[in-house]
N, C-alpha and C. Protein backbone atom coordinates (compact mmCIF):
# COMPACT_ATOMS: atom_id res chain seq x y z
N MET A 1 110.28 108.09 81.30
CA MET A 1 108.88 108.08 81.69
C MET A 1 108.08 108.75 80.62
N ASN A 2 106.94 108.31 80.35
CA ASN A 2 106.01 108.92 79.40
C ASN A 2 105.49 110.21 80.06
N THR A 3 105.80 111.32 79.51
CA THR A 3 105.53 112.60 80.21
C THR A 3 104.08 113.01 79.99
N LYS A 4 103.23 112.28 79.19
CA LYS A 4 101.87 112.65 79.06
C LYS A 4 101.22 112.67 80.46
N ARG A 5 100.53 113.72 80.69
CA ARG A 5 99.83 113.86 81.99
C ARG A 5 98.87 112.71 82.30
N LEU A 6 98.82 112.39 83.54
CA LEU A 6 97.86 111.37 83.98
C LEU A 6 96.39 112.10 84.08
N SER A 7 95.47 111.20 83.65
CA SER A 7 94.07 111.64 83.76
C SER A 7 93.72 111.68 85.28
N ASN A 8 92.61 112.27 85.56
CA ASN A 8 92.22 112.24 87.01
C ASN A 8 92.01 110.89 87.55
N ARG A 9 91.52 109.91 86.77
CA ARG A 9 91.37 108.52 87.31
C ARG A 9 92.70 107.86 87.40
N GLU A 10 93.62 108.07 86.48
CA GLU A 10 94.88 107.40 86.46
C GLU A 10 95.63 108.00 87.70
N TYR A 11 95.55 109.23 87.99
CA TYR A 11 96.18 109.87 89.07
C TYR A 11 95.67 109.28 90.33
N ASP A 12 94.33 109.19 90.42
CA ASP A 12 93.76 108.53 91.65
C ASP A 12 94.28 107.07 91.89
N ILE A 13 94.41 106.27 90.82
CA ILE A 13 94.93 104.98 91.03
C ILE A 13 96.36 104.99 91.38
N MET A 14 97.17 105.86 90.68
CA MET A 14 98.52 105.91 91.14
C MET A 14 98.79 106.35 92.62
N GLN A 15 97.96 107.32 93.00
CA GLN A 15 97.99 107.75 94.49
C GLN A 15 97.77 106.54 95.34
N ILE A 16 96.78 105.71 94.97
CA ILE A 16 96.44 104.53 95.86
C ILE A 16 97.66 103.61 95.91
N LEU A 17 98.26 103.37 94.74
CA LEU A 17 99.45 102.50 94.64
C LEU A 17 100.62 103.11 95.40
N TRP A 18 100.86 104.44 95.21
CA TRP A 18 102.02 105.09 95.88
C TRP A 18 101.80 104.99 97.43
N ASN A 19 100.57 105.25 97.85
CA ASN A 19 100.34 105.31 99.33
C ASN A 19 100.38 103.84 99.96
N SER A 20 100.07 102.87 99.15
CA SER A 20 100.04 101.47 99.62
C SER A 20 101.42 101.03 100.05
N GLY A 21 102.42 101.35 99.18
CA GLY A 21 103.76 100.86 99.45
C GLY A 21 103.96 99.32 99.15
N LYS A 22 102.96 98.69 98.68
CA LYS A 22 103.08 97.28 98.21
C LYS A 22 102.21 97.04 97.06
N PRO A 23 102.58 96.06 96.26
CA PRO A 23 101.76 95.70 95.12
C PRO A 23 100.26 95.42 95.49
N MET A 24 99.32 95.84 94.70
CA MET A 24 97.97 95.66 94.92
C MET A 24 97.24 94.96 93.81
N LEU A 25 96.11 94.16 94.17
CA LEU A 25 95.22 93.67 93.20
C LEU A 25 94.30 94.72 92.83
N ALA A 26 93.66 94.58 91.55
CA ALA A 26 92.65 95.55 91.15
C ALA A 26 91.45 95.69 92.15
N SER A 27 91.18 94.55 92.79
CA SER A 27 90.08 94.58 93.76
C SER A 27 90.49 95.30 95.00
N ASP A 28 91.84 95.30 95.43
CA ASP A 28 92.25 96.11 96.52
C ASP A 28 92.16 97.58 96.26
N ILE A 29 92.51 97.98 94.90
CA ILE A 29 92.38 99.32 94.58
C ILE A 29 90.93 99.79 94.56
N LEU A 30 90.03 98.84 94.14
CA LEU A 30 88.60 99.14 94.28
C LEU A 30 88.16 99.42 95.64
N ARG A 31 88.59 98.68 96.52
CA ARG A 31 88.25 98.84 97.95
C ARG A 31 88.74 100.16 98.49
N ALA A 32 89.89 100.57 97.96
CA ALA A 32 90.42 101.89 98.49
C ALA A 32 89.65 103.09 97.98
N ASP A 33 88.96 102.96 96.86
CA ASP A 33 88.19 104.07 96.39
C ASP A 33 86.80 103.52 95.87
N ALA A 34 85.76 103.72 96.77
CA ALA A 34 84.43 103.18 96.47
C ALA A 34 83.73 103.91 95.26
N ASP A 35 84.28 104.99 94.79
CA ASP A 35 83.72 105.75 93.65
C ASP A 35 84.06 105.14 92.30
N MET A 36 84.96 104.10 92.20
CA MET A 36 85.30 103.43 91.09
C MET A 36 84.57 102.11 90.96
N ASN A 37 84.45 101.50 89.77
CA ASN A 37 84.02 100.20 89.62
C ASN A 37 85.14 99.35 88.97
N ILE A 38 84.99 98.05 89.08
CA ILE A 38 86.17 97.19 88.70
C ILE A 38 86.51 97.34 87.21
N ASN A 39 85.58 97.65 86.40
CA ASN A 39 85.86 97.84 84.93
C ASN A 39 86.77 99.11 84.69
N THR A 40 86.45 100.20 85.46
CA THR A 40 87.25 101.38 85.39
C THR A 40 88.66 101.08 85.90
N VAL A 41 88.82 100.46 86.97
CA VAL A 41 90.03 100.11 87.56
C VAL A 41 90.89 99.28 86.61
N GLN A 42 90.32 98.24 86.05
CA GLN A 42 91.06 97.39 85.16
C GLN A 42 91.43 98.06 83.83
N SER A 43 90.54 98.87 83.27
CA SER A 43 90.78 99.70 82.16
C SER A 43 91.96 100.74 82.31
N THR A 44 91.85 101.35 83.46
CA THR A 44 92.93 102.29 83.88
C THR A 44 94.25 101.67 84.09
N LEU A 45 94.24 100.47 84.73
CA LEU A 45 95.48 99.81 84.96
C LEU A 45 96.14 99.44 83.59
N ARG A 46 95.28 98.94 82.72
CA ARG A 46 95.77 98.58 81.33
C ARG A 46 96.45 99.81 80.70
N ASN A 47 95.87 100.97 80.71
CA ASN A 47 96.39 102.14 80.20
C ASN A 47 97.75 102.51 80.91
N LEU A 48 97.77 102.44 82.26
CA LEU A 48 99.00 102.67 82.95
C LEU A 48 100.17 101.67 82.59
N LEU A 49 99.72 100.40 82.40
CA LEU A 49 100.66 99.38 81.98
C LEU A 49 101.23 99.78 80.65
N SER A 50 100.35 100.15 79.67
CA SER A 50 100.85 100.44 78.31
C SER A 50 101.77 101.60 78.30
N ARG A 51 101.65 102.43 79.34
CA ARG A 51 102.60 103.68 79.34
C ARG A 51 103.72 103.42 80.26
N ASN A 52 103.92 102.16 80.77
CA ASN A 52 105.01 101.86 81.71
C ASN A 52 104.99 102.66 82.94
N LEU A 53 103.92 102.94 83.47
CA LEU A 53 103.83 103.72 84.78
C LEU A 53 103.48 102.77 85.88
N VAL A 54 102.96 101.58 85.62
CA VAL A 54 102.82 100.48 86.50
C VAL A 54 103.34 99.19 85.87
N CYS A 55 103.57 98.28 86.71
CA CYS A 55 104.02 96.93 86.23
C CYS A 55 103.31 95.86 86.97
N VAL A 56 103.29 94.68 86.38
CA VAL A 56 102.62 93.49 87.10
C VAL A 56 103.71 93.06 87.99
N ALA A 57 103.43 93.16 89.25
CA ALA A 57 104.51 92.82 90.28
C ALA A 57 104.54 91.28 90.44
N ASN A 58 103.42 90.70 90.43
CA ASN A 58 103.30 89.24 90.74
C ASN A 58 101.97 88.78 90.27
N ILE A 59 101.84 87.42 90.12
CA ILE A 59 100.52 86.82 89.82
C ILE A 59 100.32 85.91 91.02
N ILE A 60 99.14 86.13 91.66
CA ILE A 60 98.89 85.45 92.91
C ILE A 60 97.56 84.71 92.78
N THR A 61 97.22 83.85 93.67
CA THR A 61 95.90 83.22 93.78
C THR A 61 95.03 84.14 94.63
N SER A 62 93.92 84.54 94.04
CA SER A 62 92.98 85.36 94.80
C SER A 62 91.58 84.59 94.75
N GLY A 63 91.30 84.03 95.90
CA GLY A 63 90.10 83.14 95.94
C GLY A 63 90.46 81.88 95.12
N LYS A 64 89.69 81.62 93.97
CA LYS A 64 90.01 80.44 93.24
C LYS A 64 90.61 80.77 91.89
N VAL A 65 91.04 82.08 91.67
CA VAL A 65 91.52 82.51 90.33
C VAL A 65 92.96 83.03 90.52
N LEU A 66 93.69 83.08 89.44
CA LEU A 66 94.97 83.80 89.40
C LEU A 66 94.65 85.30 89.17
N ALA A 67 95.37 86.12 89.84
CA ALA A 67 95.13 87.57 89.65
C ALA A 67 96.53 88.33 89.68
N ARG A 68 96.57 89.39 88.95
CA ARG A 68 97.80 90.17 88.94
C ARG A 68 97.80 91.21 90.06
N THR A 69 99.07 91.44 90.57
CA THR A 69 99.28 92.59 91.55
C THR A 69 100.05 93.63 90.75
N TYR A 70 99.67 94.89 91.06
CA TYR A 70 100.28 95.98 90.27
C TYR A 70 101.09 96.82 91.26
N ALA A 71 102.23 97.39 90.76
CA ALA A 71 103.09 98.29 91.48
C ALA A 71 103.51 99.44 90.63
N PRO A 72 103.62 100.68 91.19
CA PRO A 72 104.07 101.79 90.38
C PRO A 72 105.51 101.59 89.93
N VAL A 73 105.77 102.05 88.71
CA VAL A 73 107.13 102.03 88.19
C VAL A 73 107.83 103.28 88.45
N VAL A 74 107.03 104.38 88.52
CA VAL A 74 107.57 105.72 88.81
C VAL A 74 107.05 106.11 90.09
N SER A 75 107.93 106.83 90.82
CA SER A 75 107.49 107.28 92.14
C SER A 75 106.74 108.54 92.04
N ALA A 76 106.01 108.86 93.09
CA ALA A 76 105.23 110.04 93.20
C ALA A 76 106.08 111.33 93.03
N ASP A 77 107.25 111.31 93.63
CA ASP A 77 108.15 112.40 93.50
C ASP A 77 108.59 112.61 92.06
N ASP A 78 108.99 111.46 91.35
CA ASP A 78 109.42 111.60 90.00
C ASP A 78 108.29 112.08 89.12
N TYR A 79 107.10 111.64 89.35
CA TYR A 79 105.96 112.13 88.47
C TYR A 79 105.71 113.60 88.64
N ILE A 80 105.74 114.07 89.93
CA ILE A 80 105.56 115.48 90.25
C ILE A 80 106.66 116.36 89.69
N LEU A 81 107.89 115.77 89.72
CA LEU A 81 108.99 116.56 89.09
C LEU A 81 108.88 116.63 87.71
N SER A 82 108.40 115.57 87.03
CA SER A 82 108.17 115.58 85.55
C SER A 82 107.11 116.61 85.18
N GLU A 83 106.01 116.70 85.95
CA GLU A 83 104.95 117.62 85.70
C GLU A 83 105.52 119.06 85.87
N LEU A 84 106.29 119.31 86.99
CA LEU A 84 106.87 120.58 87.20
C LEU A 84 107.74 120.99 86.03
N CYS A 85 108.61 120.11 85.54
CA CYS A 85 109.56 120.41 84.51
C CYS A 85 108.72 120.84 83.25
N ASP A 86 107.55 120.23 83.03
CA ASP A 86 106.73 120.52 81.86
C ASP A 86 106.20 121.90 81.90
N ILE A 87 105.88 122.41 83.11
CA ILE A 87 105.27 123.70 83.24
C ILE A 87 106.20 124.83 83.66
N LEU A 88 107.40 124.46 84.06
CA LEU A 88 108.31 125.48 84.60
C LEU A 88 108.87 126.31 83.38
N PRO A 89 108.69 127.66 83.48
CA PRO A 89 109.16 128.48 82.36
C PRO A 89 110.56 128.34 82.06
N SER A 90 110.99 128.41 80.79
CA SER A 90 112.36 128.37 80.47
C SER A 90 113.08 129.62 80.54
N GLU A 91 112.39 130.77 80.50
CA GLU A 91 113.02 132.06 80.55
C GLU A 91 113.42 132.34 82.07
N PRO A 92 114.66 132.80 82.16
CA PRO A 92 115.20 133.01 83.64
C PRO A 92 114.32 133.85 84.40
N GLN A 93 113.71 135.02 83.91
CA GLN A 93 112.96 135.95 84.75
C GLN A 93 111.61 135.24 85.14
N ARG A 94 111.00 134.47 84.19
CA ARG A 94 109.79 133.82 84.56
C ARG A 94 110.01 132.61 85.56
N ARG A 95 111.15 132.02 85.52
CA ARG A 95 111.55 130.96 86.45
C ARG A 95 111.71 131.59 87.76
N ALA A 96 112.41 132.66 87.85
CA ALA A 96 112.57 133.32 89.14
C ALA A 96 111.20 133.77 89.76
N ALA A 97 110.32 134.18 88.88
CA ALA A 97 109.00 134.52 89.44
C ALA A 97 108.25 133.27 89.96
N PHE A 98 108.42 132.16 89.32
CA PHE A 98 107.81 130.97 89.73
C PHE A 98 108.31 130.59 91.15
N PHE A 99 109.68 130.69 91.37
CA PHE A 99 110.19 130.37 92.71
C PHE A 99 109.76 131.36 93.78
N GLU A 100 109.65 132.58 93.36
CA GLU A 100 109.19 133.67 94.28
C GLU A 100 107.81 133.37 94.72
N ALA A 101 106.91 132.98 93.74
CA ALA A 101 105.47 132.66 94.07
C ALA A 101 105.53 131.44 94.92
N TYR A 102 106.29 130.49 94.71
CA TYR A 102 106.39 129.23 95.56
C TYR A 102 106.62 129.71 96.98
N ILE A 103 107.66 130.48 97.20
CA ILE A 103 108.13 130.92 98.56
C ILE A 103 106.96 131.76 99.21
N GLN A 104 106.34 132.61 98.45
CA GLN A 104 105.18 133.38 98.99
C GLN A 104 104.00 132.55 99.45
N MET A 105 103.78 131.44 98.78
CA MET A 105 102.63 130.60 99.21
C MET A 105 102.89 129.72 100.37
N CYS A 106 104.21 129.54 100.71
CA CYS A 106 104.54 128.70 101.85
C CYS A 106 104.17 129.38 103.16
N SER A 107 103.56 128.54 104.03
CA SER A 107 103.20 129.22 105.28
C SER A 107 104.46 129.52 106.16
N ASP A 108 105.49 128.63 106.00
CA ASP A 108 106.70 128.85 106.68
C ASP A 108 107.81 129.25 105.66
N LYS A 109 107.91 130.53 105.35
CA LYS A 109 108.81 130.96 104.32
C LYS A 109 110.23 130.70 104.63
N GLU A 110 110.58 130.83 105.92
CA GLU A 110 112.02 130.57 106.35
C GLU A 110 112.34 129.08 106.05
N LEU A 111 111.48 128.19 106.42
CA LEU A 111 111.81 126.71 106.20
C LEU A 111 111.88 126.47 104.69
N ALA A 112 110.99 127.13 103.88
CA ALA A 112 111.11 126.87 102.39
C ALA A 112 112.48 127.43 101.89
N LEU A 113 112.89 128.62 102.28
CA LEU A 113 114.08 129.09 101.90
C LEU A 113 115.33 128.22 102.38
N ASP A 114 115.28 127.77 103.58
CA ASP A 114 116.24 126.95 104.13
C ASP A 114 116.37 125.55 103.24
N GLU A 115 115.20 125.08 102.95
CA GLU A 115 115.21 123.77 102.09
C GLU A 115 115.78 124.06 100.75
N LEU A 116 115.43 125.22 100.14
CA LEU A 116 116.02 125.54 98.84
C LEU A 116 117.48 125.75 98.90
N GLU A 117 117.90 126.52 99.97
CA GLU A 117 119.30 126.72 100.14
C GLU A 117 120.15 125.38 100.30
N GLN A 118 119.61 124.48 101.02
CA GLN A 118 120.23 123.18 101.27
C GLN A 118 120.34 122.45 100.00
N MET A 119 119.27 122.37 99.22
CA MET A 119 119.35 121.77 97.84
C MET A 119 120.38 122.40 96.96
N ILE A 120 120.39 123.66 96.96
CA ILE A 120 121.38 124.34 96.09
C ILE A 120 122.79 123.99 96.50
N GLN A 121 123.02 124.05 97.72
CA GLN A 121 124.38 123.73 98.30
C GLN A 121 124.78 122.29 97.95
N GLU A 122 123.84 121.44 98.09
CA GLU A 122 124.11 119.95 97.84
C GLU A 122 124.38 119.72 96.30
N TYR A 123 123.68 120.47 95.44
CA TYR A 123 123.90 120.36 94.06
C TYR A 123 125.30 120.92 93.66
N ARG A 124 125.61 122.04 94.31
CA ARG A 124 126.93 122.66 94.04
C ARG A 124 128.03 121.77 94.54
N GLU A 125 127.88 121.08 95.59
CA GLU A 125 128.97 120.23 96.17
C GLU A 125 128.92 118.92 95.50
N ASN A 126 127.83 118.29 95.20
CA ASN A 126 127.81 116.87 94.75
C ASN A 126 127.22 116.64 93.39
N GLY A 127 126.54 117.65 92.87
CA GLY A 127 125.83 117.48 91.65
C GLY A 127 124.56 116.71 91.78
N GLN A 128 124.03 116.57 93.02
CA GLN A 128 122.87 115.82 93.33
C GLN A 128 122.28 116.37 94.63
N LYS A 129 121.05 115.96 94.86
CA LYS A 129 120.38 116.37 96.12
C LYS A 129 120.09 115.15 96.99
N THR A 130 119.92 115.36 98.15
CA THR A 130 119.45 114.32 99.02
C THR A 130 118.07 114.67 99.45
N LYS A 131 117.25 113.63 99.97
CA LYS A 131 115.92 113.91 100.40
C LYS A 131 115.90 114.80 101.56
N ILE A 132 114.90 115.74 101.46
CA ILE A 132 114.76 116.71 102.61
C ILE A 132 113.55 116.10 103.44
N GLY A 133 113.64 116.32 104.75
CA GLY A 133 112.52 116.02 105.62
C GLY A 133 112.99 115.12 106.56
């Protein structure tokens, strides 16, 4: 994945695609966010295509013309993980402070701790984690 951060507009479009769960036309994306115009949507989709963050899922007939549908290549979880890895400190003390701050900001600290413990246990046993939730 290209780890360059998404612009606000790119993130908005990715959010629409992630939440949709199905490939979308540029016009569908436009309908999902009235603050955009079709030129912005198409330009942003071209940028996302060039960075391999979205793909052309299909070419369909829309009205009387052929149109592309777009789908995300990277999941929301993978993008957030990439962003987190970019900002997570490499020094053990600062990393520990990061996780402490995360736990402190959680409204349900026990649940946050339980989730972290479950992930740690799964990594120790299997070298991987399963989805929580």
